């Protein structure tokens, strides 16, 4: 689980709730009109902006990948692929079938090698799989960013509606407070939904997309080099290009040791 995401949500929610309760109670911050304009308006705008299939796929993907970290890092992938290259060189492709591989994408590529598929088939299939996955991550990021962009705008819509109602009922002082509450709470809801939930999730998914693109491209190159019977040393040196500079130094020192 991504501790940073969970901690960020908990901290942000705690700060907002604490500020609400310092000089009042939570009940005064609940208004059905503001809820309708923010969530109803944002939902409507999102449905107009994206196909329904993209929304139904993107929303749960955002929650899933925002809270789940990749179980294996790029550094570990280089080490594991180098080990698999050594196994294939000593025992042949059949020896790869005995290896336990945690990453499903890497396991798929190694299975192709063990089954004797040619390089073109392996490359085409793995690249198609990678591109489809990255497309879905990008769709999820765009859906959350779309909601984050329109939530403050609908907060302003709610504010304008509340102000119009307030000015239209200036003769009745008892209605001024509720209408002003609608105006202010709509802006509050829009700001919280956008800046605490949707835009951070969109950025998290975009960062995850970049990481997955690097890792899956690394895996594809590694699998193809194993298929071509490259030596473990060559595999390691080639794949180190995917790592940050400090990680390359750590890997080189570990290999020398």
C-alpha atoms as a PDB file:
ATOM      1  CA  UNK A   1       0.000   0.000   0.000  1.00  0.00           C
ATOM      2  CA  UNK A   2       1.190   3.530  -0.779  1.00  0.00           C
ATOM      3  CA  UNK A   3       1.576   5.046   2.695  1.00  0.00           C
ATOM      4  CA  UNK A   4       2.059   8.554   1.279  1.00  0.00           C
ATOM      5  CA  UNK A   5      -1.346   8.568  -0.416  1.00  0.00           C
ATOM      6  CA  UNK A   6      -3.181   7.243   2.641  1.00  0.00           C
ATOM      7  CA  UNK A   7      -1.312   9.614   4.960  1.00  0.00           C
ATOM      8  CA  UNK A   8      -2.016  12.571   2.687  1.00  0.00           C
ATOM      9  CA  UNK A   9      -5.739  11.872   2.562  1.00  0.00           C
ATOM     10  CA  UNK A  10      -5.919  11.317   6.316  1.00  0.00           C
ATOM     11  CA  UNK A  11      -3.947  14.480   7.080  1.00  0.00           C
ATOM     12  CA  UNK A  12      -5.894  16.627   4.625  1.00  0.00           C
ATOM     13  CA  UNK A  13      -9.242  15.358   5.887  1.00  0.00           C
ATOM     14  CA  UNK A  14      -8.151  15.853   9.490  1.00  0.00           C
ATOM     15  CA  UNK A  15      -7.081  19.454   8.843  1.00  0.00           C
ATOM     16  CA  UNK A  16     -10.390  20.338   7.157  1.00  0.00           C
ATOM     17  CA  UNK A  17     -12.486  18.670   9.875  1.00  0.00           C
ATOM     18  CA  UNK A  18     -10.439  20.300  12.636  1.00  0.00           C
ATOM     19  CA  UNK A  19     -10.933  23.753  11.174  1.00  0.00           C
ATOM     20  CA  UNK A  20     -14.663  23.098  10.838  1.00  0.00           C
ATOM     21  CA  UNK A  21     -15.030  22.066  14.480  1.00  0.00           C
ATOM     22  CA  UNK A  22     -12.839  24.729  16.103  1.00  0.00           C
ATOM     23  CA  UNK A  23     -15.611  27.331  16.463  1.00  0.00           C
ATOM     24  CA  UNK A  24     -18.727  25.398  15.524  1.00  0.00           C
ATOM     25  CA  UNK A  25     -20.035  21.990  14.570  1.00  0.00           C
ATOM     26  CA  UNK A  26     -20.004  19.905  11.414  1.00  0.00           C
ATOM     27  CA  UNK A  27     -23.736  20.282  10.918  1.00  0.00           C
ATOM     28  CA  UNK A  28     -23.399  23.874   9.740  1.00  0.00           C
ATOM     29  CA  UNK A  29     -21.122  22.729   6.904  1.00  0.00           C
ATOM     30  CA  UNK A  30     -23.664  20.317   5.415  1.00  0.00           C
ATOM     31  CA  UNK A  31     -25.995  21.674   2.774  1.00  0.00           C
ATOM     32  CA  UNK A  32     -27.932  19.571   0.288  1.00  0.00           C
ATOM     33  CA  UNK A  33     -28.071  22.319  -2.331  1.00  0.00           C
ATOM     34  CA  UNK A  34     -24.298  22.702  -2.344  1.00  0.00           C
ATOM     35  CA  UNK A  35     -23.865  18.917  -2.525  1.00  0.00           C
ATOM     36  CA  UNK A  36     -26.223  18.717  -5.502  1.00  0.00           C
ATOM     37  CA  UNK A  37     -24.532  21.477  -7.467  1.00  0.00           C
ATOM     38  CA  UNK A  38     -20.991  20.140  -6.885  1.00  0.00           C
ATOM     39  CA  UNK A  39     -21.472  16.409  -7.284  1.00  0.00           C
ATOM     40  CA  UNK A  40     -24.361  16.601  -9.735  1.00  0.00           C
ATOM     41  CA  UNK A  41     -22.699  19.253 -11.870  1.00  0.00           C
ATOM     42  CA  UNK A  42     -19.289  17.580 -11.842  1.00  0.00           C
ATOM     43  CA  UNK A  43     -20.835  14.237 -12.765  1.00  0.00           C
ATOM     44  CA  UNK A  44     -22.772  15.787 -15.625  1.00  0.00           C
ATOM     45  CA  UNK A  45     -19.728  17.599 -17.004  1.00  0.00           C
ATOM     46  CA  UNK A  46     -17.602  14.444 -16.761  1.00  0.00           C
ATOM     47  CA  UNK A  47     -20.235  12.410 -18.616  1.00  0.00           C
ATOM     48  CA  UNK A  48     -20.218  14.997 -21.387  1.00  0.00           C
ATOM     49  CA  UNK A  49     -16.429  15.120 -21.547  1.00  0.00           C
ATOM     50  CA  UNK A  50     -15.635  11.379 -21.564  1.00  0.00           C
ATOM     51  CA  UNK A  51     -17.245   8.186 -22.915  1.00  0.00           C
ATOM     52  CA  UNK A  52     -19.080   6.199 -20.260  1.00  0.00           C
ATOM     53  CA  UNK A  53     -16.734   3.236 -20.692  1.00  0.00           C
ATOM     54  CA  UNK A  54     -13.733   5.466 -19.942  1.00  0.00           C
ATOM     55  CA  UNK A  55     -15.363   6.790 -16.775  1.00  0.00           C
ATOM     56  CA  UNK A  56     -16.394   3.352 -15.509  1.00  0.00           C
ATOM     57  CA  UNK A  57     -12.884   2.056 -16.123  1.00  0.00           C
ATOM     58  CA  UNK A  58     -10.934   5.140 -15.073  1.00  0.00           C
ATOM     59  CA  UNK A  59     -12.553   5.852 -11.686  1.00  0.00           C
ATOM     60  CA  UNK A  60     -11.845   2.460 -10.058  1.00  0.00           C
ATOM     61  CA  UNK A  61      -8.393   2.326 -11.676  1.00  0.00           C
ATOM     62  CA  UNK A  62      -7.552   5.618  -9.995  1.00  0.00           C
ATOM     63  CA  UNK A  63      -8.441   4.309  -6.554  1.00  0.00           C
ATOM     64  CA  UNK A  64      -6.668   1.010  -7.185  1.00  0.00           C
ATOM     65  CA  UNK A  65      -3.341   2.341  -8.421  1.00  0.00           C
ATOM     66  CA  UNK A  66      -3.222   5.432  -6.226  1.00  0.00           C
ATOM     67  CA  UNK A  67      -3.093   3.276  -3.101  1.00  0.00           C
ATOM     68  CA  UNK A  68      -1.074   0.325  -4.438  1.00  0.00           C
ATOM     69  CA  UNK A  69       2.647   0.533  -5.027  1.00  0.00           C
ATOM     70  CA  UNK A  70       4.500  -1.626  -7.520  1.00  0.00           C
ATOM     71  CA  UNK A  71       5.800  -4.610  -5.579  1.00  0.00           C
ATOM     72  CA  UNK A  72       9.150  -4.701  -7.360  1.00  0.00           C
ATOM     73  CA  UNK A  73      11.376  -1.739  -8.213  1.00  0.00           C
ATOM     74  CA  UNK A  74      13.374  -1.083 -11.384  1.00  0.00           C
ATOM     75  CA  UNK A  75      16.553  -1.943  -9.479  1.00  0.00           C
ATOM     76  CA  UNK A  76      15.088  -5.304  -8.428  1.00  0.00           C
ATOM     77  CA  UNK A  77      13.880  -5.944 -11.980  1.00  0.00           C
ATOM     78  CA  UNK A  78      17.401  -5.539 -13.355  1.00  0.00           C
ATOM     79  CA  UNK A  79      18.718  -7.966 -10.739  1.00  0.00           C
ATOM     80  CA  UNK A  80      15.976 -10.509 -11.395  1.00  0.00           C
ATOM     81  CA  UNK A  81      16.269 -10.340 -15.178  1.00  0.00           C
ATOM     82  CA  UNK A  82      20.053 -10.743 -14.921  1.00  0.00           C
ATOM     83  CA  UNK A  83      19.493 -13.833 -12.790  1.00  0.00           C
ATOM     84  CA  UNK A  84      17.001 -15.194 -15.324  1.00  0.00           C
ATOM     85  CA  UNK A  85      19.524 -14.580 -18.107  1.00  0.00           C
ATOM     86  CA  UNK A  86      22.058 -16.630 -16.136  1.00  0.00           C
ATOM     87  CA  UNK A  87      19.526 -19.449 -15.680  1.00  0.00           C
ATOM     88  CA  UNK A  88      18.672 -19.458 -19.381  1.00  0.00           C
ATOM     89  CA  UNK A  89      22.354 -19.487 -20.342  1.00  0.00           C
ATOM     90  CA  UNK A  90      23.182 -22.445 -18.070  1.00  0.00           C
ATOM     91  CA  UNK A  91      20.005 -24.531 -18.297  1.00  0.00           C
ATOM     92  CA  UNK A  92      18.401 -23.356 -21.510  1.00  0.00           C
ATOM     93  CA  UNK A  93      14.898 -21.854 -21.870  1.00  0.00           C
ATOM     94  CA  UNK A  94      13.358 -24.906 -20.205  1.00  0.00           C
ATOM     95  CA  UNK A  95      15.106 -23.953 -16.959  1.00  0.00           C
ATOM     96  CA  UNK A  96      13.075 -20.729 -16.803  1.00  0.00           C
ATOM     97  CA  UNK A  97       9.897 -22.709 -16.138  1.00  0.00           C
ATOM     98  CA  UNK A  98      11.118 -23.530 -12.624  1.00  0.00           C
ATOM     99  CA  UNK A  99      11.644 -19.882 -11.649  1.00  0.00           C
ATOM    100  CA  UNK A 100       9.114 -18.105  -9.450  1.00  0.00           C
ATOM    101  CA  UNK A 101       8.434 -14.607 -10.797  1.00  0.00           C
ATOM    102  CA  UNK A 102       6.315 -12.156  -8.817  1.00  0.00           C
ATOM    103  CA  UNK A 103       5.773  -9.523 -11.513  1.00  0.00           C
ATOM    104  CA  UNK A 104       2.995 -10.742 -13.819  1.00  0.00           C
ATOM    105  CA  UNK A 105       4.247  -8.821 -16.865  1.00  0.00           C
ATOM    106  CA  UNK A 106       7.764 -10.254 -16.515  1.00  0.00           C
ATOM    107  CA  UNK A 107       6.320 -13.720 -15.874  1.00  0.00           C
ATOM    108  CA  UNK A 108       4.355 -13.470 -19.104  1.00  0.00           C
ATOM    109  CA  UNK A 109       7.456 -12.568 -21.116  1.00  0.00           C
ATOM    110  CA  UNK A 110       9.550 -15.332 -19.554  1.00  0.00           C
ATOM    111  CA  UNK A 111       6.791 -17.836 -20.291  1.00  0.00           C
ATOM    112  CA  UNK A 112       6.967 -16.846 -23.963  1.00  0.00           C
ATOM    113  CA  UNK A 113      10.726 -17.426 -23.938  1.00  0.00           C
ATOM    114  CA  UNK A 114      10.365 -20.798 -22.219  1.00  0.00           C
ATOM    115  CA  UNK A 115       7.701 -21.819 -24.766  1.00  0.00           C
ATOM    116  CA  UNK A 116      10.014 -20.984 -27.656  1.00  0.00           C
ATOM    117  CA  UNK A 117       8.162 -18.068 -29.270  1.00  0.00           C
ATOM    118  CA  UNK A 118      10.193 -15.960 -31.699  1.00  0.00           C
ATOM    119  CA  UNK A 119      11.416 -12.463 -30.851  1.00  0.00           C
ATOM    120  CA  UNK A 120       8.955 -10.619 -33.102  1.00  0.00           C
ATOM    121  CA  UNK A 121       5.964 -12.322 -31.487  1.00  0.00           C
ATOM    122  CA  UNK A 122       7.268 -11.602 -27.992  1.00  0.00           C
ATOM    123  CA  UNK A 123       7.994  -7.955 -28.756  1.00  0.00           C
ATOM    124  CA  UNK A 124       4.654  -7.307 -30.469  1.00  0.00           C
ATOM    125  CA  UNK A 125       2.620  -8.990 -27.757  1.00  0.00           C
ATOM    126  CA  UNK A 126       4.397  -7.387 -24.812  1.00  0.00           C
ATOM    127  CA  UNK A 127       4.431  -3.923 -26.376  1.00  0.00           C
ATOM    128  CA  UNK A 128       0.708  -4.181 -27.103  1.00  0.00           C
ATOM    129  CA  UNK A 129       0.066  -5.252 -23.512  1.00  0.00           C
ATOM    130  CA  UNK A 130       2.186  -2.364 -22.195  1.00  0.00           C
ATOM    131  CA  UNK A 131       0.527   0.229 -24.418  1.00  0.00           C
ATOM    132  CA  UNK A 132      -2.985  -0.902 -23.473  1.00  0.00           C
ATOM    133  CA  UNK A 133      -2.174  -0.715 -19.775  1.00  0.00           C
ATOM    134  CA  UNK A 134      -0.624   2.737 -20.116  1.00  0.00           C
ATOM    135  CA  UNK A 135      -3.653   3.922 -22.095  1.00  0.00           C
ATOM    136  CA  UNK A 136      -5.966   2.852 -19.275  1.00  0.00           C
ATOM    137  CA  UNK A 137      -3.800   4.619 -16.695  1.00  0.00           C
ATOM    138  CA  UNK A 138      -3.829   7.764 -18.831  1.00  0.00           C
ATOM    139  CA  UNK A 139      -7.618   7.585 -19.124  1.00  0.00           C
ATOM    140  CA  UNK A 140      -7.945   7.309 -15.349  1.00  0.00           C
ATOM    141  CA  UNK A 141      -5.667  10.309 -14.875  1.00  0.00           C
ATOM    142  CA  UNK A 142      -7.687  12.371 -17.350  1.00  0.00           C
ATOM    143  CA  UNK A 143     -11.011  11.474 -15.705  1.00  0.00           C
ATOM    144  CA  UNK A 144      -9.832  12.590 -12.261  1.00  0.00           C
ATOM    145  CA  UNK A 145      -8.230  15.708 -13.689  1.00  0.00           C
ATOM    146  CA  UNK A 146     -11.469  16.501 -15.511  1.00  0.00           C
ATOM    147  CA  UNK A 147     -13.462  16.243 -12.284  1.00  0.00           C
ATOM    148  CA  UNK A 148     -10.835  18.294 -10.465  1.00  0.00           C
ATOM    149  CA  UNK A 149     -11.021  21.019 -13.116  1.00  0.00           C
ATOM    150  CA  UNK A 150     -14.814  21.346 -13.124  1.00  0.00           C
ATOM    151  CA  UNK A 151     -15.531  20.987  -9.370  1.00  0.00           C
ATOM    152  CA  UNK A 152     -14.325  24.546  -8.487  1.00  0.00           C
ATOM    153  CA  UNK A 153     -16.232  25.902 -11.487  1.00  0.00           C
ATOM    154  CA  UNK A 154     -19.453  24.349 -10.240  1.00  0.00           C
ATOM    155  CA  UNK A 155     -18.595  25.678  -6.801  1.00  0.00           C
ATOM    156  CA  UNK A 156     -18.661  29.123  -8.378  1.00  0.00           C
ATOM    157  CA  UNK A 157     -21.967  28.265 -10.059  1.00  0.00           C
ATOM    158  CA  UNK A 158     -23.395  27.347  -6.651  1.00  0.00           C
ATOM    159  CA  UNK A 159     -22.021  30.564  -5.206  1.00  0.00           C
ATOM    160  CA  UNK A 160     -23.666  32.638  -7.930  1.00  0.00           C
ATOM    161  CA  UNK A 161     -26.982  30.824  -7.494  1.00  0.00           C
ATOM    162  CA  UNK A 162     -26.872  31.405  -3.736  1.00  0.00           C
ATOM    163  CA  UNK A 163     -26.093  35.090  -4.204  1.00  0.00           C
ATOM    164  CA  UNK A 164     -28.900  35.564  -6.712  1.00  0.00           C
ATOM    165  CA  UNK A 165     -31.330  33.918  -4.291  1.00  0.00           C
ATOM    166  CA  UNK A 166     -30.004  36.045  -1.444  1.00  0.00           C
ATOM    167  CA  UNK A 167     -30.357  39.334  -3.314  1.00  0.00           C
ATOM    168  CA  UNK A 168     -33.797  38.326  -4.584  1.00  0.00           C
ATOM    169  CA  UNK A 169     -34.969  37.864  -0.977  1.00  0.00           C
ATOM    170  CA  UNK A 170     -33.407  40.882   0.693  1.00  0.00           C
ATOM    171  CA  UNK A 171     -36.808  41.797   2.137  1.00  0.00           C
ATOM    172  CA  UNK A 172     -36.924  38.543   4.124  1.00  0.00           C
ATOM    173  CA  UNK A 173     -33.992  38.555   6.545  1.00  0.00           C
ATOM    174  CA  UNK A 174     -34.646  34.969   7.624  1.00  0.00           C
ATOM    175  CA  UNK A 175     -33.661  33.669   4.188  1.00  0.00           C
ATOM    176  CA  UNK A 176     -30.412  35.572   3.833  1.00  0.00           C
ATOM    177  CA  UNK A 177     -28.412  33.204   6.069  1.00  0.00           C
ATOM    178  CA  UNK A 178     -29.387  29.938   4.304  1.00  0.00           C
ATOM    179  CA  UNK A 179     -28.796  31.411   0.851  1.00  0.00           C
ATOM    180  CA  UNK A 180     -25.403  32.783   1.895  1.00  0.00           C
ATOM    181  CA  UNK A 181     -24.515  29.341   3.317  1.00  0.00           C
ATOM    182  CA  UNK A 182     -25.329  27.741  -0.045  1.00  0.00           C
ATOM    183  CA  UNK A 183     -23.112  30.296  -1.779  1.00  0.00           C
ATOM    184  CA  UNK A 184     -20.118  29.733   0.493  1.00  0.00           C
ATOM    185  CA  UNK A 185     -20.427  25.974   0.969  1.00  0.00           C
ATOM    186  CA  UNK A 186     -20.592  25.320  -2.771  1.00  0.00           C
ATOM    187  CA  UNK A 187     -17.212  27.013  -3.171  1.00  0.00           C
ATOM    188  CA  UNK A 188     -15.843  25.084  -0.183  1.00  0.00           C
ATOM    189  CA  UNK A 189     -17.003  21.713  -1.514  1.00  0.00           C
ATOM    190  CA  UNK A 190     -15.612  22.434  -4.960  1.00  0.00           C
ATOM    191  CA  UNK A 191     -12.204  23.434  -3.582  1.00  0.00           C
ATOM    192  CA  UNK A 192     -11.957  20.360  -1.326  1.00  0.00           C
ATOM    193  CA  UNK A 193     -13.077  17.866  -3.991  1.00  0.00           C
ATOM    194  CA  UNK A 194     -10.663  19.341  -6.516  1.00  0.00           C
ATOM    195  CA  UNK A 195      -7.538  20.024  -4.449  1.00  0.00           C
ATOM    196  CA  UNK A 196      -7.688  17.270  -1.852  1.00  0.00           C
ATOM    197  CA  UNK A 197      -9.036  14.378  -3.917  1.00  0.00           C
ATOM    198  CA  UNK A 198      -9.210  14.607  -7.697  1.00  0.00           C
ATOM    199  CA  UNK A 199      -6.159  16.599  -8.787  1.00  0.00           C
ATOM    200  CA  UNK A 200      -3.775  14.744  -6.411  1.00  0.00           C
ATOM    201  CA  UNK A 201      -5.137  11.416  -7.688  1.00  0.00           C
ATOM    202  CA  UNK A 202      -4.669  12.570 -11.284  1.00  0.00           C
ATOM    203  CA  UNK A 203      -1.045  13.512 -10.592  1.00  0.00           C
ATOM    204  CA  UNK A 204      -0.464  10.222  -8.754  1.00  0.00           C
ATOM    205  CA  UNK A 205      -1.759   8.261 -11.744  1.00  0.00           C
ATOM    206  CA  UNK A 206       0.386  10.283 -14.133  1.00  0.00           C
ATOM    207  CA  UNK A 207       3.467   9.516 -12.046  1.00  0.00           C
ATOM    208  CA  UNK A 208       2.492   5.848 -11.955  1.00  0.00           C
ATOM    209  CA  UNK A 209       2.121   5.893 -15.758  1.00  0.00           C
ATOM    210  CA  UNK A 210       5.688   7.164 -16.171  1.00  0.00           C
ATOM    211  CA  UNK A 211       7.047   4.528 -13.764  1.00  0.00           C
ATOM    212  CA  UNK A 212       5.149   1.713 -15.459  1.00  0.00           C
ATOM    213  CA  UNK A 213       6.284   2.815 -18.915  1.00  0.00           C
ATOM    214  CA  UNK A 214       9.927   2.664 -17.797  1.00  0.00           C
ATOM    215  CA  UNK A 215       9.570  -0.653 -15.959  1.00  0.00           C
ATOM    216  CA  UNK A 216       7.637  -2.430 -18.678  1.00  0.00           C
ATOM    217  CA  UNK A 217       9.989  -1.195 -21.395  1.00  0.00           C
ATOM    218  CA  UNK A 218      12.863  -2.469 -19.239  1.00  0.00           C
ATOM    219  CA  UNK A 219      11.163  -5.853 -18.963  1.00  0.00           C
ATOM    220  CA  UNK A 220      10.552  -6.072 -22.717  1.00  0.00           C
ATOM    221  CA  UNK A 221      14.206  -5.368 -23.514  1.00  0.00           C
ATOM    222  CA  UNK A 222      15.351  -7.799 -20.843  1.00  0.00           C
ATOM    223  CA  UNK A 223      13.085 -10.597 -22.045  1.00  0.00           C
ATOM    224  CA  UNK A 224      14.209 -10.137 -25.634  1.00  0.00           C
ATOM    225  CA  UNK A 225      17.879 -10.273 -24.600  1.00  0.00           C
ATOM    226  CA  UNK A 226      17.193 -13.497 -22.689  1.00  0.00           C
ATOM    227  CA  UNK A 227      15.470 -14.818 -25.820  1.00  0.00           C
ATOM    228  CA  UNK A 228      18.603 -13.957 -27.806  1.00  0.00           C
ATOM    229  CA  UNK A 229      20.820 -15.750 -25.220  1.00  0.00           C
ATOM    230  CA  UNK A 230      22.736 -12.643 -24.154  1.00  0.00           C
ATOM    231  CA  UNK A 231      25.112 -13.074 -21.245  1.00  0.00           C
ATOM    232  CA  UNK A 232      23.967 -11.900 -17.777  1.00  0.00           C
ATOM    233  CA  UNK A 233      26.682  -9.227 -17.760  1.00  0.00           C
ATOM    234  CA  UNK A 234      25.508  -7.762 -21.062  1.00  0.00           C
ATOM    235  CA  UNK A 235      21.876  -7.880 -19.908  1.00  0.00           C
ATOM    236  CA  UNK A 236      22.758  -6.068 -16.693  1.00  0.00           C
ATOM    237  CA  UNK A 237      24.785  -3.370 -18.471  1.00  0.00           C
ATOM    238  CA  UNK A 238      22.061  -2.752 -21.068  1.00  0.00           C
ATOM    239  CA  UNK A 239      19.249  -2.529 -18.523  1.00  0.00           C
ATOM    240  CA  UNK A 240      21.164  -0.224 -16.190  1.00  0.00           C
ATOM    241  CA  UNK A 241      20.423   2.570 -18.689  1.00  0.00           C
ATOM    242  CA  UNK A 242      16.830   2.571 -17.362  1.00  0.00           C
ATOM    243  CA  UNK A 243      17.943   3.349 -13.799  1.00  0.00           C
ATOM    244  CA  UNK A 244      18.683   6.732 -12.188  1.00  0.00           C
ATOM    245  CA  UNK A 245      22.380   7.541 -11.857  1.00  0.00           C
ATOM    246  CA  UNK A 246      22.649   6.735  -8.139  1.00  0.00           C
ATOM    247  CA  UNK A 247      20.889   3.394  -8.645  1.00  0.00           C
ATOM    248  CA  UNK A 248      23.356   2.488 -11.395  1.00  0.00           C
ATOM    249  CA  UNK A 249      26.244   3.050  -8.988  1.00  0.00           C
ATOM    250  CA  UNK A 250      24.586   0.884  -6.324  1.00  0.00           C
ATOM    251  CA  UNK A 251      23.976  -1.913  -8.839  1.00  0.00           C
ATOM    252  CA  UNK A 252      27.549  -1.730 -10.164  1.00  0.00           C
ATOM    253  CA  UNK A 253      28.962  -1.922  -6.628  1.00  0.00           C
ATOM    254  CA  UNK A 254      26.720  -4.891  -5.811  1.00  0.00           C
ATOM    255  CA  UNK A 255      27.819  -6.697  -8.973  1.00  0.00           C
ATOM    256  CA  UNK A 256      31.484  -6.032  -8.203  1.00  0.00           C
ATOM    257  CA  UNK A 257      31.071  -7.377  -4.680  1.00  0.00           C
END
